[in-house]
Amino acid sequence: MAQVKRRVSEYNFGEELNSLLDKVEASLDTGDNFDQAAMLKHLRTFFEHLHQQAGQRLRKDLPETIDETPLTKCGQAIEYLQRKDVLTEKMQSLGKAIYGVLSNEGVHAIKSEREYVRLCRNMVAEYALVLFFELERRLGNSSG
């Protein structure tokens, strides 16, 4: 999680994203099932904004990637990143699957189990590191 937070800061994606991760980390082993559901909502918000910020960064650095895709919709932002050669097709599918779990176990759940929070936290962190890696690759390949 520390690496993810460092990358968020390096890319200037907003300290609000790191604050969401801090909330999850601070409350992971405490609180009841209602608190666990709130943490999943924080992870979902982080996940949504991570893709939005990655898309905005791509558009800023590579204006030729600009299109009409609304980056505020997570599924469409994930698809955009795949179409613009940041995510592979498999990573796009994984991103959508993670978002589905975050949505079903978080936003639509009144209560959630700690195990789902741990699973989602770890999946989001590892996925985010790959997303940063692939975004850097794509931005680095733009000059060739």
Protein backbone atom coordinates (compact mmCIF):
# COMPACT_ATOMS: atom_id res chain seq x y z
CA MET A 1 0.00 0.00 0.00
CA ALA A 2 2.93 2.31 0.69
CA GLN A 3 4.13 1.91 -2.91
CA VAL A 4 0.67 2.72 -4.25
CA LYS A 5 0.48 5.85 -2.10
CA ARG A 6 3.94 6.91 -3.25
CA ARG A 7 2.93 6.51 -6.90
CA VAL A 8 -0.31 8.44 -6.37
CA SER A 9 1.76 11.29 -4.95
CA GLU A 10 4.38 11.12 -7.73
CA TYR A 11 1.66 11.40 -10.37
CA ASN A 12 -0.09 14.20 -8.45
CA PHE A 13 -3.35 12.27 -8.52
CA GLY A 14 -4.50 14.11 -5.40
CA GLU A 15 -3.91 13.49 -1.75
CA GLU A 16 -7.60 12.63 -1.38
CA LEU A 17 -6.80 9.27 -2.93
CA ASN A 18 -4.13 8.60 -0.35
CA SER A 19 -6.49 9.73 2.40
CA LEU A 20 -8.96 7.06 1.30
CA LEU A 21 -6.23 4.43 1.52
CA ASP A 22 -5.19 5.74 4.95
CA LYS A 23 -8.77 5.36 6.19
CA VAL A 24 -8.89 1.76 5.00
CA GLU A 25 -5.52 0.93 6.53
CA ALA A 26 -6.36 2.55 9.86
CA SER A 27 -9.67 0.73 10.21
CA LEU A 28 -8.87 -2.63 8.64
CA ASP A 29 -8.74 -4.63 11.85
CA THR A 30 -11.28 -2.65 13.83
CA GLY A 31 -14.92 -1.83 13.55
CA ASP A 32 -18.01 -3.86 12.84
CA ASN A 33 -19.47 -5.10 9.57
CA PHE A 34 -21.02 -1.70 8.89
CA ASP A 35 -17.53 -0.15 9.11
CA GLN A 36 -16.18 -2.84 6.78
CA ALA A 37 -18.80 -1.89 4.18
CA ALA A 38 -17.71 1.74 4.47
CA MET A 39 -14.11 0.72 3.83
CA LEU A 40 -15.14 -1.12 0.67
CA LYS A 41 -16.87 2.06 -0.45
CA HIS A 42 -13.61 3.95 0.14
CA LEU A 43 -11.74 1.38 -1.94
CA ARG A 44 -14.33 1.66 -4.69
CA THR A 45 -14.02 5.45 -4.72
CA PHE A 46 -10.23 5.13 -4.86
CA PHE A 47 -10.51 2.65 -7.75
CA GLU A 48 -12.85 4.94 -9.70
CA HIS A 49 -10.67 7.99 -9.25
CA LEU A 50 -7.47 6.07 -9.99
CA HIS A 51 -8.75 5.22 -13.48
CA GLN A 52 -10.11 8.71 -14.03
CA GLN A 53 -6.77 10.27 -13.06
CA ALA A 54 -4.79 7.79 -15.19
CA GLY A 55 -6.97 8.64 -18.20
CA GLN A 56 -6.60 12.35 -17.59
CA ARG A 57 -2.82 11.98 -17.32
CA LEU A 58 -2.73 10.04 -20.59
CA ARG A 59 -4.77 12.75 -22.30
CA LYS A 60 -2.54 15.49 -20.88
CA ASP A 61 0.72 13.85 -21.93
CA LEU A 62 -0.55 12.37 -25.21
CA PRO A 63 -3.23 14.68 -26.65
CA GLU A 64 -3.73 12.30 -29.58
CA THR A 65 -5.45 9.92 -27.14
CA ILE A 66 -8.23 12.42 -26.39
CA ASP A 67 -11.71 11.25 -27.33
CA GLU A 68 -15.23 11.65 -25.98
CA THR A 69 -14.97 8.87 -23.37
CA PRO A 70 -16.38 10.05 -20.03
CA LEU A 71 -13.61 9.19 -17.57
CA THR A 72 -15.93 9.76 -14.61
CA LYS A 73 -17.58 6.40 -15.34
CA CYS A 74 -15.20 3.72 -14.09
CA GLY A 75 -16.12 1.01 -16.59
CA GLN A 76 -15.71 3.40 -19.49
CA ALA A 77 -12.43 4.73 -18.09
CA ILE A 78 -11.10 1.16 -17.88
CA GLU A 79 -12.19 0.50 -21.47
CA TYR A 80 -10.58 3.77 -22.57
CA LEU A 81 -7.26 2.77 -21.00
CA GLN A 82 -7.43 -0.56 -22.83
CA ARG A 83 -8.27 1.08 -26.19
CA LYS A 84 -5.38 3.52 -25.74
CA ASP A 85 -2.87 0.71 -25.10
CA VAL A 86 -2.38 1.21 -21.37
CA LEU A 87 -4.20 -1.93 -20.24
CA THR A 88 -4.19 -5.29 -21.97
CA GLU A 89 -7.50 -6.98 -22.65
CA LYS A 90 -6.94 -9.32 -19.69
CA MET A 91 -6.10 -6.42 -17.36
CA GLN A 92 -9.23 -4.62 -18.57
CA SER A 93 -11.26 -7.71 -17.65
CA LEU A 94 -9.56 -7.91 -14.28
CA GLY A 95 -10.19 -4.24 -13.61
CA LYS A 96 -13.87 -4.63 -14.41
CA ALA A 97 -14.06 -7.75 -12.23
CA ILE A 98 -12.46 -5.97 -9.27
CA TYR A 99 -14.85 -3.06 -9.77
CA GLY A 100 -17.76 -5.49 -9.80
CA VAL A 101 -16.68 -7.02 -6.49
CA LEU A 102 -16.19 -3.57 -4.97
CA SER A 103 -19.63 -2.55 -6.17
CA ASN A 104 -21.48 -5.67 -5.04
CA GLU A 105 -19.72 -6.21 -1.73
CA GLY A 106 -19.35 -2.53 -0.91
CA VAL A 107 -21.81 -0.05 -2.30
CA HIS A 108 -24.81 -2.38 -2.37
CA ALA A 109 -24.05 -4.10 0.92
CA ILE A 110 -25.24 -2.75 4.23
CA LYS A 111 -22.66 -4.89 6.01
CA SER A 112 -19.50 -6.58 4.79
CA GLU A 113 -17.04 -9.07 6.15
CA ARG A 114 -13.46 -8.16 7.00
CA GLU A 115 -12.20 -10.88 4.64
CA TYR A 116 -13.74 -9.07 1.66
CA VAL A 117 -12.10 -5.83 2.72
CA ARG A 118 -8.70 -7.52 2.96
CA LEU A 119 -9.14 -9.25 -0.39
CA CYS A 120 -10.28 -6.07 -2.13
CA ARG A 121 -7.56 -3.96 -0.51
CA ASN A 122 -4.88 -6.34 -1.72
CA MET A 123 -6.36 -6.71 -5.21
CA VAL A 124 -6.74 -2.95 -5.60
CA ALA A 125 -3.16 -2.34 -4.44
CA GLU A 126 -1.59 -4.91 -6.76
CA TYR A 127 -3.76 -3.86 -9.70
CA ALA A 128 -2.88 -0.20 -9.09
CA LEU A 129 0.84 -0.98 -9.19
CA VAL A 130 0.41 -2.72 -12.56
CA LEU A 131 -1.68 0.19 -13.83
CA PHE A 132 1.07 2.64 -12.89
CA PHE A 133 3.68 0.39 -14.55
CA GLU A 134 1.64 0.17 -17.76
CA LEU A 135 0.86 3.90 -17.76
CA GLU A 136 4.57 4.66 -17.49
CA ARG A 137 5.30 2.21 -20.31
CA ARG A 138 2.69 3.84 -22.52
CA LEU A 139 3.87 7.37 -21.76
CA GLY A 140 7.48 6.30 -22.32
CA ASN A 141 6.67 4.70 -25.69
CA SER A 142 5.00 7.87 -26.97
CA SER A 143 8.22 9.43 -28.20
CA GLY A 144 9.03 6.54 -30.55
